[in-house]
PDB file of all heavy atoms in Angstrom:
ATOM      1  N   ILE A   1      11.422   3.849   0.273  1.00  0.00           N
ATOM      2  CA  ILE A   1      12.436   4.435  -0.619  1.00  0.00           C
ATOM      3  C   ILE A   1      13.356   3.343  -1.155  1.00  0.00           C
ATOM      4  O   ILE A   1      13.673   3.308  -2.361  1.00  0.00           O
ATOM      5  CB  ILE A   1      13.243   5.516   0.124  1.00  0.00           C
ATOM      6  CG1 ILE A   1      12.330   6.687   0.494  1.00  0.00           C
ATOM      7  CG2 ILE A   1      14.399   6.017  -0.741  1.00  0.00           C
ATOM      8  CD1 ILE A   1      12.962   7.683   1.454  1.00  0.00           C
ATOM      9  N   GLU A   2      13.776   2.433  -0.282  1.00  0.00           N
ATOM     10  CA  GLU A   2      14.652   1.339  -0.700  1.00  0.00           C
ATOM     11  C   GLU A   2      13.975   0.427  -1.713  1.00  0.00           C
ATOM     12  O   GLU A   2      14.650  -0.235  -2.505  1.00  0.00           O
ATOM     13  CB  GLU A   2      15.091   0.529   0.519  1.00  0.00           C
ATOM     14  CG  GLU A   2      16.056   1.286   1.427  1.00  0.00           C
ATOM     15  CD  GLU A   2      16.252   0.611   2.771  1.00  0.00           C
ATOM     16  OE1 GLU A   2      15.601  -0.451   2.999  1.00  0.00           O
ATOM     17  OE2 GLU A   2      17.040   1.123   3.585  1.00  0.00           O
ATOM     18  N   ASN A   3      12.648   0.418  -1.695  1.00  0.00           N
ATOM     19  CA  ASN A   3      11.893  -0.402  -2.647  1.00  0.00           C
ATOM     20  C   ASN A   3      11.486   0.381  -3.895  1.00  0.00           C
ATOM     21  O   ASN A   3      10.583  -0.033  -4.626  1.00  0.00           O
ATOM     22  CB  ASN A   3      10.658  -0.992  -1.972  1.00  0.00           C
ATOM     23  CG  ASN A   3      10.965  -2.253  -1.188  1.00  0.00           C
ATOM     24  OD1 ASN A   3      11.040  -3.337  -1.759  1.00  0.00           O
ATOM     25  ND2 ASN A   3      11.177  -2.112   0.113  1.00  0.00           N
ATOM     26  N   GLY A   4      12.134   1.534  -4.116  1.00  0.00           N
ATOM     27  CA  GLY A   4      11.966   2.238  -5.384  1.00  0.00           C
ATOM     28  C   GLY A   4      10.970   3.375  -5.389  1.00  0.00           C
ATOM     29  O   GLY A   4      10.749   3.993  -6.444  1.00  0.00           O
ATOM     30  N   MET A   5      10.376   3.697  -4.248  1.00  0.00           N
ATOM     31  CA  MET A   5       9.429   4.804  -4.210  1.00  0.00           C
ATOM     32  C   MET A   5      10.168   6.143  -4.177  1.00  0.00           C
ATOM     33  O   MET A   5      11.247   6.250  -3.585  1.00  0.00           O
ATOM     34  CB  MET A   5       8.514   4.699  -2.988  1.00  0.00           C
ATOM     35  CG  MET A   5       7.635   3.455  -2.951  1.00  0.00           C
ATOM     36  SD  MET A   5       6.371   3.388  -4.258  1.00  0.00           S
ATOM     37  CE  MET A   5       7.153   2.264  -5.419  1.00  0.00           C
ATOM     38  N   SER A   6       9.569   7.166  -4.813  1.00  0.00           N
ATOM     39  CA  SER A   6      10.189   8.492  -4.896  1.00  0.00           C
ATOM     40  C   SER A   6      10.294   9.133  -3.517  1.00  0.00           C
ATOM     41  O   SER A   6       9.287   9.296  -2.826  1.00  0.00           O
ATOM     42  CB  SER A   6       9.362   9.391  -5.821  1.00  0.00           C
ATOM     43  OG  SER A   6       9.792  10.727  -5.730  1.00  0.00           O
ATOM     44  N   GLU A   7      11.511   9.498  -3.126  1.00  0.00           N
ATOM     45  CA  GLU A   7      11.721  10.079  -1.804  1.00  0.00           C
ATOM     46  C   GLU A   7      10.956  11.388  -1.638  1.00  0.00           C
ATOM     47  O   GLU A   7      10.440  11.689  -0.557  1.00  0.00           O
ATOM     48  CB  GLU A   7      13.218  10.314  -1.566  1.00  0.00           C
ATOM     49  CG  GLU A   7      13.544  10.814  -0.179  1.00  0.00           C
ATOM     50  CD  GLU A   7      15.031  10.840   0.110  1.00  0.00           C
ATOM     51  OE1 GLU A   7      15.816  10.418  -0.762  1.00  0.00           O
ATOM     52  OE2 GLU A   7      15.407  11.282   1.213  1.00  0.00           O
ATOM     53  N   SER A   8      10.837  12.169  -2.696  1.00  0.00           N
ATOM     54  CA  SER A   8      10.162  13.467  -2.612  1.00  0.00           C
ATOM     55  C   SER A   8       8.652  13.320  -2.389  1.00  0.00           C
ATOM     56  O   SER A   8       7.991  14.257  -1.931  1.00  0.00           O
ATOM     57  CB  SER A   8      10.412  14.284  -3.881  1.00  0.00           C
ATOM     58  OG  SER A   8       9.881  13.611  -5.021  1.00  0.00           O
ATOM     59  N   ASP A   9       8.096  12.146  -2.706  1.00  0.00           N
ATOM     60  CA  ASP A   9       6.653  11.920  -2.559  1.00  0.00           C
ATOM     61  C   ASP A   9       6.291  11.118  -1.314  1.00  0.00           C
ATOM     62  O   ASP A   9       5.103  10.856  -1.069  1.00  0.00           O
ATOM     63  CB  ASP A   9       6.108  11.177  -3.787  1.00  0.00           C
ATOM     64  CG  ASP A   9       6.104  12.041  -5.037  1.00  0.00           C
ATOM     65  OD1 ASP A   9       6.018  13.268  -4.896  1.00  0.00           O
ATOM     66  OD2 ASP A   9       6.200  11.478  -6.146  1.00  0.00           O
ATOM     67  N   ILE A  10       7.291  10.707  -0.540  1.00  0.00           N
ATOM     68  CA  ILE A  10       7.027   9.799   0.573  1.00  0.00           C
ATOM     69  C   ILE A  10       6.046  10.399   1.577  1.00  0.00           C
ATOM     70  O   ILE A  10       5.032   9.792   1.929  1.00  0.00           O
ATOM     71  CB  ILE A  10       8.343   9.408   1.286  1.00  0.00           C
ATOM     72  CG1 ILE A  10       9.166   8.473   0.406  1.00  0.00           C
ATOM     73  CG2 ILE A  10       8.054   8.742   2.641  1.00  0.00           C
ATOM     74  CD1 ILE A  10       8.526   7.131   0.144  1.00  0.00           C
ATOM     75  N   ASP A  11       6.322  11.602   2.080  1.00  0.00           N
ATOM     76  CA  ASP A  11       5.513  12.202   3.149  1.00  0.00           C
ATOM     77  C   ASP A  11       4.072  12.473   2.748  1.00  0.00           C
ATOM     78  O   ASP A  11       3.141  12.229   3.519  1.00  0.00           O
ATOM     79  CB  ASP A  11       6.150  13.514   3.625  1.00  0.00           C
ATOM     80  CG  ASP A  11       7.277  13.275   4.616  1.00  0.00           C
ATOM     81  OD1 ASP A  11       7.390  12.150   5.114  1.00  0.00           O
ATOM     82  OD2 ASP A  11       8.030  14.221   4.880  1.00  0.00           O
ATOM     83  N   THR A  12       3.879  12.994   1.537  1.00  0.00           N
ATOM     84  CA  THR A  12       2.557  13.509   1.163  1.00  0.00           C
ATOM     85  C   THR A  12       1.755  12.589   0.246  1.00  0.00           C
ATOM     86  O   THR A  12       0.550  12.785   0.103  1.00  0.00           O
ATOM     87  CB  THR A  12       2.696  14.882   0.468  1.00  0.00           C
ATOM     88  OG1 THR A  12       3.528  14.735  -0.685  1.00  0.00           O
ATOM     89  CG2 THR A  12       3.313  15.898   1.413  1.00  0.00           C
ATOM     90  N   LEU A  13       2.389  11.603  -0.350  1.00  0.00           N
ATOM     91  CA  LEU A  13       1.669  10.770  -1.316  1.00  0.00           C
ATOM     92  C   LEU A  13       1.834   9.277  -1.032  1.00  0.00           C
ATOM     93  O   LEU A  13       0.861   8.574  -0.764  1.00  0.00           O
ATOM     94  CB  LEU A  13       2.145  11.087  -2.738  1.00  0.00           C
ATOM     95  CG  LEU A  13       1.286  10.542  -3.885  1.00  0.00           C
ATOM     96  CD1 LEU A  13      -0.111  11.149  -3.839  1.00  0.00           C
ATOM     97  CD2 LEU A  13       1.940  10.840  -5.235  1.00  0.00           C
ATOM     98  N   ILE A  14       3.068   8.795  -1.063  1.00  0.00           N
ATOM     99  CA  ILE A  14       3.302   7.354  -0.983  1.00  0.00           C
ATOM    100  C   ILE A  14       2.942   6.777   0.382  1.00  0.00           C
ATOM    101  O   ILE A  14       2.142   5.837   0.488  1.00  0.00           O
ATOM    102  CB  ILE A  14       4.777   7.025  -1.317  1.00  0.00           C
ATOM    103  CG1 ILE A  14       5.146   7.532  -2.715  1.00  0.00           C
ATOM    104  CG2 ILE A  14       5.018   5.520  -1.210  1.00  0.00           C
ATOM    105  CD1 ILE A  14       4.335   6.928  -3.832  1.00  0.00           C
ATOM    106  N   TYR A  15       3.519   7.334   1.442  1.00  0.00           N
ATOM    107  CA  TYR A  15       3.303   6.760   2.780  1.00  0.00           C
ATOM    108  C   TYR A  15       1.840   6.855   3.229  1.00  0.00           C
ATOM    109  O   TYR A  15       1.264   5.836   3.652  1.00  0.00           O
ATOM    110  CB  TYR A  15       4.229   7.423   3.802  1.00  0.00           C
ATOM    111  CG  TYR A  15       3.926   7.018   5.222  1.00  0.00           C
ATOM    112  CD1 TYR A  15       4.179   5.724   5.661  1.00  0.00           C
ATOM    113  CD2 TYR A  15       3.368   7.927   6.119  1.00  0.00           C
ATOM    114  CE1 TYR A  15       3.873   5.339   6.960  1.00  0.00           C
ATOM    115  CE2 TYR A  15       3.066   7.548   7.421  1.00  0.00           C
ATOM    116  CZ  TYR A  15       3.321   6.257   7.833  1.00  0.00           C
ATOM    117  OH  TYR A  15       3.012   5.882   9.115  1.00  0.00           O
ATOM    118  N   PRO A  16       1.181   8.028   3.155  1.00  0.00           N
ATOM    119  CA  PRO A  16      -0.222   8.064   3.596  1.00  0.00           C
ATOM    120  C   PRO A  16      -1.127   7.144   2.780  1.00  0.00           C
ATOM    121  O   PRO A  16      -2.056   6.534   3.316  1.00  0.00           O
ATOM    122  CB  PRO A  16      -0.621   9.535   3.448  1.00  0.00           C
ATOM    123  CG  PRO A  16       0.411  10.140   2.574  1.00  0.00           C
ATOM    124  CD  PRO A  16       1.668   9.370   2.772  1.00  0.00           C
ATOM    125  N   ASN A  17      -0.862   7.037   1.480  1.00  0.00           N
ATOM    126  CA  ASN A  17      -1.681   6.141   0.666  1.00  0.00           C
ATOM    127  C   ASN A  17      -1.400   4.672   0.984  1.00  0.00           C
ATOM    128  O   ASN A  17      -2.298   3.831   0.877  1.00  0.00           O
ATOM    129  CB  ASN A  17      -1.454   6.417  -0.820  1.00  0.00           C
ATOM    130  CG  ASN A  17      -2.277   7.583  -1.316  1.00  0.00           C
ATOM    131  OD1 ASN A  17      -3.502   7.518  -1.363  1.00  0.00           O
ATOM    132  ND2 ASN A  17      -1.628   8.678  -1.673  1.00  0.00           N
ATOM    133  N   ALA A  18      -0.170   4.360   1.369  1.00  0.00           N
ATOM    134  CA  ALA A  18       0.148   2.994   1.776  1.00  0.00           C
ATOM    135  C   ALA A  18      -0.608   2.637   3.051  1.00  0.00           C
ATOM    136  O   ALA A  18      -1.168   1.532   3.177  1.00  0.00           O
ATOM    137  CB  ALA A  18       1.653   2.847   1.978  1.00  0.00           C
ATOM    138  N   ILE A  19      -0.636   3.565   4.007  1.00  0.00           N
ATOM    139  CA  ILE A  19      -1.397   3.348   5.241  1.00  0.00           C
ATOM    140  C   ILE A  19      -2.875   3.153   4.924  1.00  0.00           C
ATOM    141  O   ILE A  19      -3.537   2.252   5.441  1.00  0.00           O
ATOM    142  CB  ILE A  19      -1.213   4.540   6.210  1.00  0.00           C
ATOM    143  CG1 ILE A  19       0.206   4.553   6.792  1.00  0.00           C
ATOM    144  CG2 ILE A  19      -2.251   4.509   7.334  1.00  0.00           C
ATOM    145  CD1 ILE A  19       0.491   3.410   7.741  1.00  0.00           C
ATOM    146  N   GLN A  20      -3.412   4.003   4.044  1.00  0.00           N
ATOM    147  CA  GLN A  20      -4.822   3.894   3.682  1.00  0.00           C
ATOM    148  C   GLN A  20      -5.103   2.580   2.959  1.00  0.00           C
ATOM    149  O   GLN A  20      -6.163   1.968   3.155  1.00  0.00           O
ATOM    150  CB  GLN A  20      -5.236   5.080   2.802  1.00  0.00           C
ATOM    151  CG  GLN A  20      -6.726   5.153   2.525  1.00  0.00           C
ATOM    152  CD  GLN A  20      -7.535   5.249   3.803  1.00  0.00           C
ATOM    153  OE1 GLN A  20      -7.193   5.998   4.705  1.00  0.00           O
ATOM    154  NE2 GLN A  20      -8.600   4.474   3.903  1.00  0.00           N
ATOM    155  N   MET A  21      -4.174   2.130   2.128  1.00  0.00           N
ATOM    156  CA  MET A  21      -4.341   0.869   1.413  1.00  0.00           C
ATOM    157  C   MET A  21      -4.474  -0.293   2.401  1.00  0.00           C
ATOM    158  O   MET A  21      -5.347  -1.155   2.267  1.00  0.00           O
ATOM    159  CB  MET A  21      -3.156   0.635   0.474  1.00  0.00           C
ATOM    160  CG  MET A  21      -3.326  -0.544  -0.461  1.00  0.00           C
ATOM    161  SD  MET A  21      -1.849  -0.832  -1.478  1.00  0.00           S
ATOM    162  CE  MET A  21      -1.791   0.710  -2.409  1.00  0.00           C
ATOM    163  N   ILE A  22      -3.601  -0.301   3.416  1.00  0.00           N
ATOM    164  CA  ILE A  22      -3.670  -1.352   4.425  1.00  0.00           C
ATOM    165  C   ILE A  22      -4.999  -1.282   5.180  1.00  0.00           C
ATOM    166  O   ILE A  22      -5.647  -2.302   5.426  1.00  0.00           O
ATOM    167  CB  ILE A  22      -2.498  -1.225   5.419  1.00  0.00           C
ATOM    168  CG1 ILE A  22      -1.152  -1.365   4.700  1.00  0.00           C
ATOM    169  CG2 ILE A  22      -2.621  -2.264   6.531  1.00  0.00           C
ATOM    170  CD1 ILE A  22      -0.947  -2.672   3.986  1.00  0.00           C
ATOM    171  N   ALA A  23      -5.420  -0.068   5.545  1.00  0.00           N
ATOM    172  CA  ALA A  23      -6.686   0.104   6.259  1.00  0.00           C
ATOM    173  C   ALA A  23      -7.862  -0.403   5.425  1.00  0.00           C
ATOM    174  O   ALA A  23      -8.762  -1.077   5.938  1.00  0.00           O
ATOM    175  CB  ALA A  23      -6.882   1.572   6.623  1.00  0.00           C
ATOM    176  N   ASP A  24      -7.874  -0.069   4.136  1.00  0.00           N
ATOM    177  CA  ASP A  24      -8.964  -0.496   3.254  1.00  0.00           C
ATOM    178  C   ASP A  24      -9.006  -2.012   3.114  1.00  0.00           C
ATOM    179  O   ASP A  24     -10.079  -2.629   3.177  1.00  0.00           O
ATOM    180  CB  ASP A  24      -8.807   0.145   1.869  1.00  0.00           C
ATOM    181  CG  ASP A  24      -9.078   1.637   1.871  1.00  0.00           C
ATOM    182  OD1 ASP A  24      -9.729   2.121   2.815  1.00  0.00           O
ATOM    183  OD2 ASP A  24      -8.622   2.330   0.933  1.00  0.00           O
ATOM    184  N   ILE A  25      -7.851  -2.631   2.927  1.00  0.00           N
ATOM    185  CA  ILE A  25      -7.794  -4.079   2.765  1.00  0.00           C
ATOM    186  C   ILE A  25      -8.266  -4.783   4.031  1.00  0.00           C
ATOM    187  O   ILE A  25      -8.965  -5.792   3.976  1.00  0.00           O
ATOM    188  CB  ILE A  25      -6.364  -4.531   2.396  1.00  0.00           C
ATOM    189  CG1 ILE A  25      -5.967  -3.992   1.014  1.00  0.00           C
ATOM    190  CG2 ILE A  25      -6.253  -6.058   2.409  1.00  0.00           C
ATOM    191  CD1 ILE A  25      -4.512  -4.238   0.650  1.00  0.00           C
ATOM    192  N   SER A  26      -7.907  -4.227   5.188  1.00  0.00           N
ATOM    193  CA  SER A  26      -8.227  -4.881   6.463  1.00  0.00           C
ATOM    194  C   SER A  26      -9.726  -4.964   6.725  1.00  0.00           C
ATOM    195  O   SER A  26     -10.166  -5.786   7.535  1.00  0.00           O
ATOM    196  CB  SER A  26      -7.536  -4.149   7.616  1.00  0.00           C
ATOM    197  OG  SER A  26      -8.131  -2.879   7.849  1.00  0.00           O
ATOM    198  N   THR A  27     -10.522  -4.118   6.061  1.00  0.00           N
ATOM    199  CA  THR A  27     -11.971  -4.101   6.302  1.00  0.00           C
ATOM    200  C   THR A  27     -12.756  -4.955   5.311  1.00  0.00           C
ATOM    201  O   THR A  27     -13.979  -5.057   5.429  1.00  0.00           O
ATOM    202  CB  THR A  27     -12.510  -2.660   6.245  1.00  0.00           C
ATOM    203  OG1 THR A  27     -12.253  -2.100   4.945  1.00  0.00           O
ATOM    204  CG2 THR A  27     -11.838  -1.792   7.307  1.00  0.00           C
ATOM    205  N   MET A  28     -12.085  -5.558   4.350  1.00  0.00           N
ATOM    206  CA  MET A  28     -12.790  -6.374   3.360  1.00  0.00           C
ATOM    207  C   MET A  28     -13.290  -7.669   4.002  1.00  0.00           C
ATOM    208  O   MET A  28     -12.571  -8.325   4.758  1.00  0.00           O
ATOM    209  CB  MET A  28     -11.867  -6.681   2.184  1.00  0.00           C
ATOM    210  CG  MET A  28     -11.504  -5.451   1.366  1.00  0.00           C
ATOM    211  SD  MET A  28     -10.446  -5.833  -0.050  1.00  0.00           S
ATOM    212  CE  MET A  28     -10.287  -4.199  -0.804  1.00  0.00           C
ATOM    213  N   HIS A  29     -14.529  -8.041   3.694  1.00  0.00           N
ATOM    214  CA  HIS A  29     -15.143  -9.206   4.322  1.00  0.00           C
ATOM    215  C   HIS A  29     -14.585 -10.519   3.796  1.00  0.00           C
ATOM    216  O   HIS A  29     -14.432 -11.486   4.542  1.00  0.00           O
ATOM    217  CB  HIS A  29     -16.667  -9.161   4.127  1.00  0.00           C
ATOM    218  CG  HIS A  29     -17.326  -7.996   4.792  1.00  0.00           C
ATOM    219  ND1 HIS A  29     -17.365  -7.851   6.163  1.00  0.00           N
ATOM    220  CD2 HIS A  29     -17.957  -6.902   4.277  1.00  0.00           C
ATOM    221  CE1 HIS A  29     -18.003  -6.741   6.479  1.00  0.00           C
ATOM    222  NE2 HIS A  29     -18.369  -6.140   5.356  1.00  0.00           N
ATOM    223  N   ASP A  30     -14.270 -10.561   2.514  1.00  0.00           N
ATOM    224  CA  ASP A  30     -13.764 -11.786   1.893  1.00  0.00           C
ATOM    225  C   ASP A  30     -12.289 -11.961   2.250  1.00  0.00           C
ATOM    226  O   ASP A  30     -11.452 -11.144   1.870  1.00  0.00           O
ATOM    227  CB  ASP A  30     -13.938 -11.693   0.377  1.00  0.00           C
ATOM    228  CG  ASP A  30     -13.525 -12.964  -0.347  1.00  0.00           C
ATOM    229  OD1 ASP A  30     -12.927 -13.859   0.295  1.00  0.00           O
ATOM    230  OD2 ASP A  30     -13.791 -13.071  -1.558  1.00  0.00           O
ATOM    231  N   PRO A  31     -11.928 -13.040   2.967  1.00  0.00           N
ATOM    232  CA  PRO A  31     -10.529 -13.242   3.362  1.00  0.00           C
ATOM    233  C   PRO A  31      -9.561 -13.273   2.176  1.00  0.00           C
ATOM    234  O   PRO A  31      -8.404 -12.846   2.308  1.00  0.00           O
ATOM    235  CB  PRO A  31     -10.551 -14.598   4.069  1.00  0.00           C
ATOM    236  CG  PRO A  31     -11.956 -14.763   4.542  1.00  0.00           C
ATOM    237  CD  PRO A  31     -12.804 -14.086   3.500  1.00  0.00           C
ATOM    238  N   THR A  32     -10.015 -13.747   1.031  1.00  0.00           N
ATOM    239  CA  THR A  32      -9.126 -13.813  -0.132  1.00  0.00           C
ATOM    240  C   THR A  32      -8.773 -12.425  -0.655  1.00  0.00           C
ATOM    241  O   THR A  32      -7.757 -12.252  -1.338  1.00  0.00           O
ATOM    242  CB  THR A  32      -9.768 -14.635  -1.277  1.00  0.00           C
ATOM    243  OG1 THR A  32     -10.969 -13.975  -1.720  1.00  0.00           O
ATOM    244  CG2 THR A  32     -10.107 -16.030  -0.799  1.00  0.00           C
ATOM    245  N   MET A  33      -9.625 -11.419  -0.337  1.00  0.00           N
ATOM    246  CA  MET A  33      -9.369 -10.048  -0.765  1.00  0.00           C
ATOM    247  C   MET A  33      -8.423  -9.326   0.185  1.00  0.00           C
ATOM    248  O   MET A  33      -8.004  -8.207  -0.087  1.00  0.00           O
ATOM    249  CB  MET A  33     -10.679  -9.272  -0.892  1.00  0.00           C
ATOM    250  CG  MET A  33     -11.650  -9.845  -1.902  1.00  0.00           C
ATOM    251  SD  MET A  33     -10.977  -9.833  -3.580  1.00  0.00           S
ATOM    252  CE  MET A  33     -10.971  -8.067  -3.906  1.00  0.00           C
ATOM    253  N   ARG A  34      -8.103  -9.972   1.303  1.00  0.00           N
ATOM    254  CA  ARG A  34      -7.200  -9.363   2.275  1.00  0.00           C
ATOM    255  C   ARG A  34      -5.769  -9.892   2.136  1.00  0.00           C
ATOM    256  O   ARG A  34      -4.974  -9.799   3.068  1.00  0.00           O
ATOM    257  CB  ARG A  34      -7.717  -9.597   3.706  1.00  0.00           C
ATOM    258  CG  ARG A  34      -9.079  -8.968   3.979  1.00  0.00           C
ATOM    259  CD  ARG A  34      -9.337  -8.816   5.469  1.00  0.00           C
ATOM    260  NE  ARG A  34      -9.299 -10.080   6.175  1.00  0.00           N
ATOM    261  CZ  ARG A  34     -10.329 -10.886   6.373  1.00  0.00           C
ATOM    262  NH1 ARG A  34     -11.519 -10.538   5.865  1.00  0.00           N
ATOM    263  NH2 ARG A  34     -10.214 -12.003   7.044  1.00  0.00           N
ATOM    264  N   ILE A  35      -5.477 -10.465   0.988  1.00  0.00           N
ATOM    265  CA  ILE A  35      -4.139 -10.993   0.721  1.00  0.00           C
ATOM    266  C   ILE A  35      -3.449 -10.112  -0.311  1.00  0.00           C
ATOM    267  O   ILE A  35      -4.048  -9.752  -1.336  1.00  0.00           O
ATOM    268  CB  ILE A  35      -4.212 -12.445   0.214  1.00  0.00           C
ATOM    269  CG1 ILE A  35      -4.810 -13.345   1.297  1.00  0.00           C
ATOM    270  CG2 ILE A  35      -2.817 -12.948  -0.176  1.00  0.00           C
ATOM    271  CD1 ILE A  35      -5.074 -14.769   0.844  1.00  0.00           C
ATOM    272  N   ILE A  36      -2.200  -9.752  -0.047  1.00  0.00           N
ATOM    273  CA  ILE A  36      -1.460  -8.885  -0.961  1.00  0.00           C
ATOM    274  C   ILE A  36       0.002  -9.321  -0.999  1.00  0.00           C
ATOM    275  O   ILE A  36       0.493  -9.965  -0.066  1.00  0.00           O
ATOM    276  CB  ILE A  36      -1.578  -7.402  -0.515  1.00  0.00           C
ATOM    277  CG1 ILE A  36      -1.114  -6.462  -1.624  1.00  0.00           C
ATOM    278  CG2 ILE A  36      -0.823  -7.148   0.788  1.00  0.00           C
ATOM    279  CD1 ILE A  36      -1.452  -5.006  -1.385  1.00  0.00           C
ATOM    280  N   THR A  37       0.675  -8.998  -2.078  1.00  0.00           N
ATOM    281  CA  THR A  37       2.114  -9.240  -2.192  1.00  0.00           C
ATOM    282  C   THR A  37       2.834  -7.902  -2.284  1.00  0.00           C
ATOM    283  O   THR A  37       2.211  -6.868  -2.574  1.00  0.00           O
ATOM    284  CB  THR A  37       2.453 -10.073  -3.444  1.00  0.00           C
ATOM    285  OG1 THR A  37       2.117  -9.311  -4.617  1.00  0.00           O
ATOM    286  CG2 THR A  37       1.690 -11.394  -3.454  1.00  0.00           C
ATOM    287  N   LYS A  38       4.131  -7.932  -2.046  1.00  0.00           N
ATOM    288  CA  LYS A  38       4.907  -6.696  -2.139  1.00  0.00           C
ATOM    289  C   LYS A  38       4.821  -6.113  -3.551  1.00  0.00           C
ATOM    290  O   LYS A  38       4.644  -4.900  -3.715  1.00  0.00           O
ATOM    291  CB  LYS A  38       6.368  -6.964  -1.764  1.00  0.00           C
ATOM    292  CG  LYS A  38       7.264  -5.745  -1.948  1.00  0.00           C
ATOM    293  CD  LYS A  38       8.598  -5.905  -1.235  1.00  0.00           C
ATOM    294  CE  LYS A  38       9.473  -6.944  -1.859  1.00  0.00           C
ATOM    295  NZ  LYS A  38      10.839  -6.943  -1.255  1.00  0.00           N
ATOM    296  N   LYS A  39       4.915  -6.950  -4.547  1.00  0.00           N
ATOM    297  CA  LYS A  39       4.882  -6.486  -5.937  1.00  0.00           C
ATOM    298  C   LYS A  39       3.574  -5.759  -6.249  1.00  0.00           C
ATOM    299  O   LYS A  39       3.575  -4.676  -6.851  1.00  0.00           O
ATOM    300  CB  LYS A  39       5.054  -7.672  -6.889  1.00  0.00           C
ATOM    301  CG  LYS A  39       5.069  -7.288  -8.361  1.00  0.00           C
ATOM    302  CD  LYS A  39       5.261  -8.521  -9.234  1.00  0.00           C
ATOM    303  CE  LYS A  39       5.247  -8.156 -10.712  1.00  0.00           C
ATOM    304  NZ  LYS A  39       5.416  -9.364 -11.571  1.00  0.00           N
ATOM    305  N   ASP A  40       2.459  -6.340  -5.812  1.00  0.00           N
ATOM    306  CA  ASP A  40       1.149  -5.722  -6.073  1.00  0.00           C
ATOM    307  C   ASP A  40       1.023  -4.374  -5.370  1.00  0.00           C
ATOM    308  O   ASP A  40       0.526  -3.399  -5.946  1.00  0.00           O
ATOM    309  CB  ASP A  40       0.019  -6.647  -5.604  1.00  0.00           C
ATOM    310  CG  ASP A  40      -0.154  -7.850  -6.514  1.00  0.00           C
ATOM    311  OD1 ASP A  40       0.360  -7.799  -7.653  1.00  0.00           O
ATOM    312  OD2 ASP A  40      -0.782  -8.835  -6.094  1.00  0.00           O
ATOM    313  N   MET A  41       1.457  -4.316  -4.113  1.00  0.00           N
ATOM    314  CA  MET A  41       1.320  -3.074  -3.364  1.00  0.00           C
ATOM    315  C   MET A  41       2.160  -1.956  -3.974  1.00  0.00           C
ATOM    316  O   MET A  41       1.680  -0.834  -4.163  1.00  0.00           O
ATOM    317  CB  MET A  41       1.722  -3.267  -1.905  1.00  0.00           C
ATOM    318  CG  MET A  41       1.397  -2.052  -1.037  1.00  0.00           C
ATOM    319  SD  MET A  41       2.119  -2.116   0.602  1.00  0.00           S
ATOM    320  CE  MET A  41       3.833  -1.770   0.189  1.00  0.00           C
ATOM    321  N   LEU A  42       3.409  -2.253  -4.311  1.00  0.00           N
ATOM    322  CA  LEU A  42       4.278  -1.232  -4.890  1.00  0.00           C
ATOM    323  C   LEU A  42       3.744  -0.764  -6.239  1.00  0.00           C
ATOM    324  O   LEU A  42       3.807   0.423  -6.573  1.00  0.00           O
ATOM    325  CB  LEU A  42       5.700  -1.777  -5.044  1.00  0.00           C
ATOM    326  CG  LEU A  42       6.441  -2.072  -3.728  1.00  0.00           C
ATOM    327  CD1 LEU A  42       7.789  -2.721  -4.019  1.00  0.00           C
ATOM    328  CD2 LEU A  42       6.618  -0.801  -2.908  1.00  0.00           C
ATOM    329  N   SER A  43       3.193  -1.693  -7.012  1.00  0.00           N
ATOM    330  CA  SER A  43       2.617  -1.329  -8.316  1.00  0.00           C
ATOM    331  C   SER A  43       1.442  -0.377  -8.149  1.00  0.00           C
ATOM    332  O   SER A  43       1.323   0.629  -8.871  1.00  0.00           O
ATOM    333  CB  SER A  43       2.170  -2.590  -9.052  1.00  0.00           C
ATOM    334  OG  SER A  43       1.514  -2.272 -10.263  1.00  0.00           O
ATOM    335  N   LYS A  44       0.568  -0.645  -7.185  1.00  0.00           N
ATOM    336  CA  LYS A  44      -0.592   0.216  -6.943  1.00  0.00           C
ATOM    337  C   LYS A  44      -0.163   1.590  -6.441  1.00  0.00           C
ATOM    338  O   LYS A  44      -0.741   2.613  -6.829  1.00  0.00           O
ATOM    339  CB  LYS A  44      -1.530  -0.450  -5.946  1.00  0.00           C
ATOM    340  CG  LYS A  44      -2.253  -1.663  -6.502  1.00  0.00           C
ATOM    341  CD  LYS A  44      -3.106  -2.336  -5.437  1.00  0.00           C
ATOM    342  CE  LYS A  44      -3.797  -3.570  -6.007  1.00  0.00           C
ATOM    343  NZ  LYS A  44      -4.591  -4.285  -4.975  1.00  0.00           N
TER     344      LYS A  44
END
């Protein structure tokens, strides 16, 4: 929320998708694909 995400969407949209995003990235074989910045994550 402090980083600009909609508070009304946190429980059902933003937070679960953020968890899934981290899970998906962690399984990528190419180490360069497992690198992310705050700006990129918030944009996605």
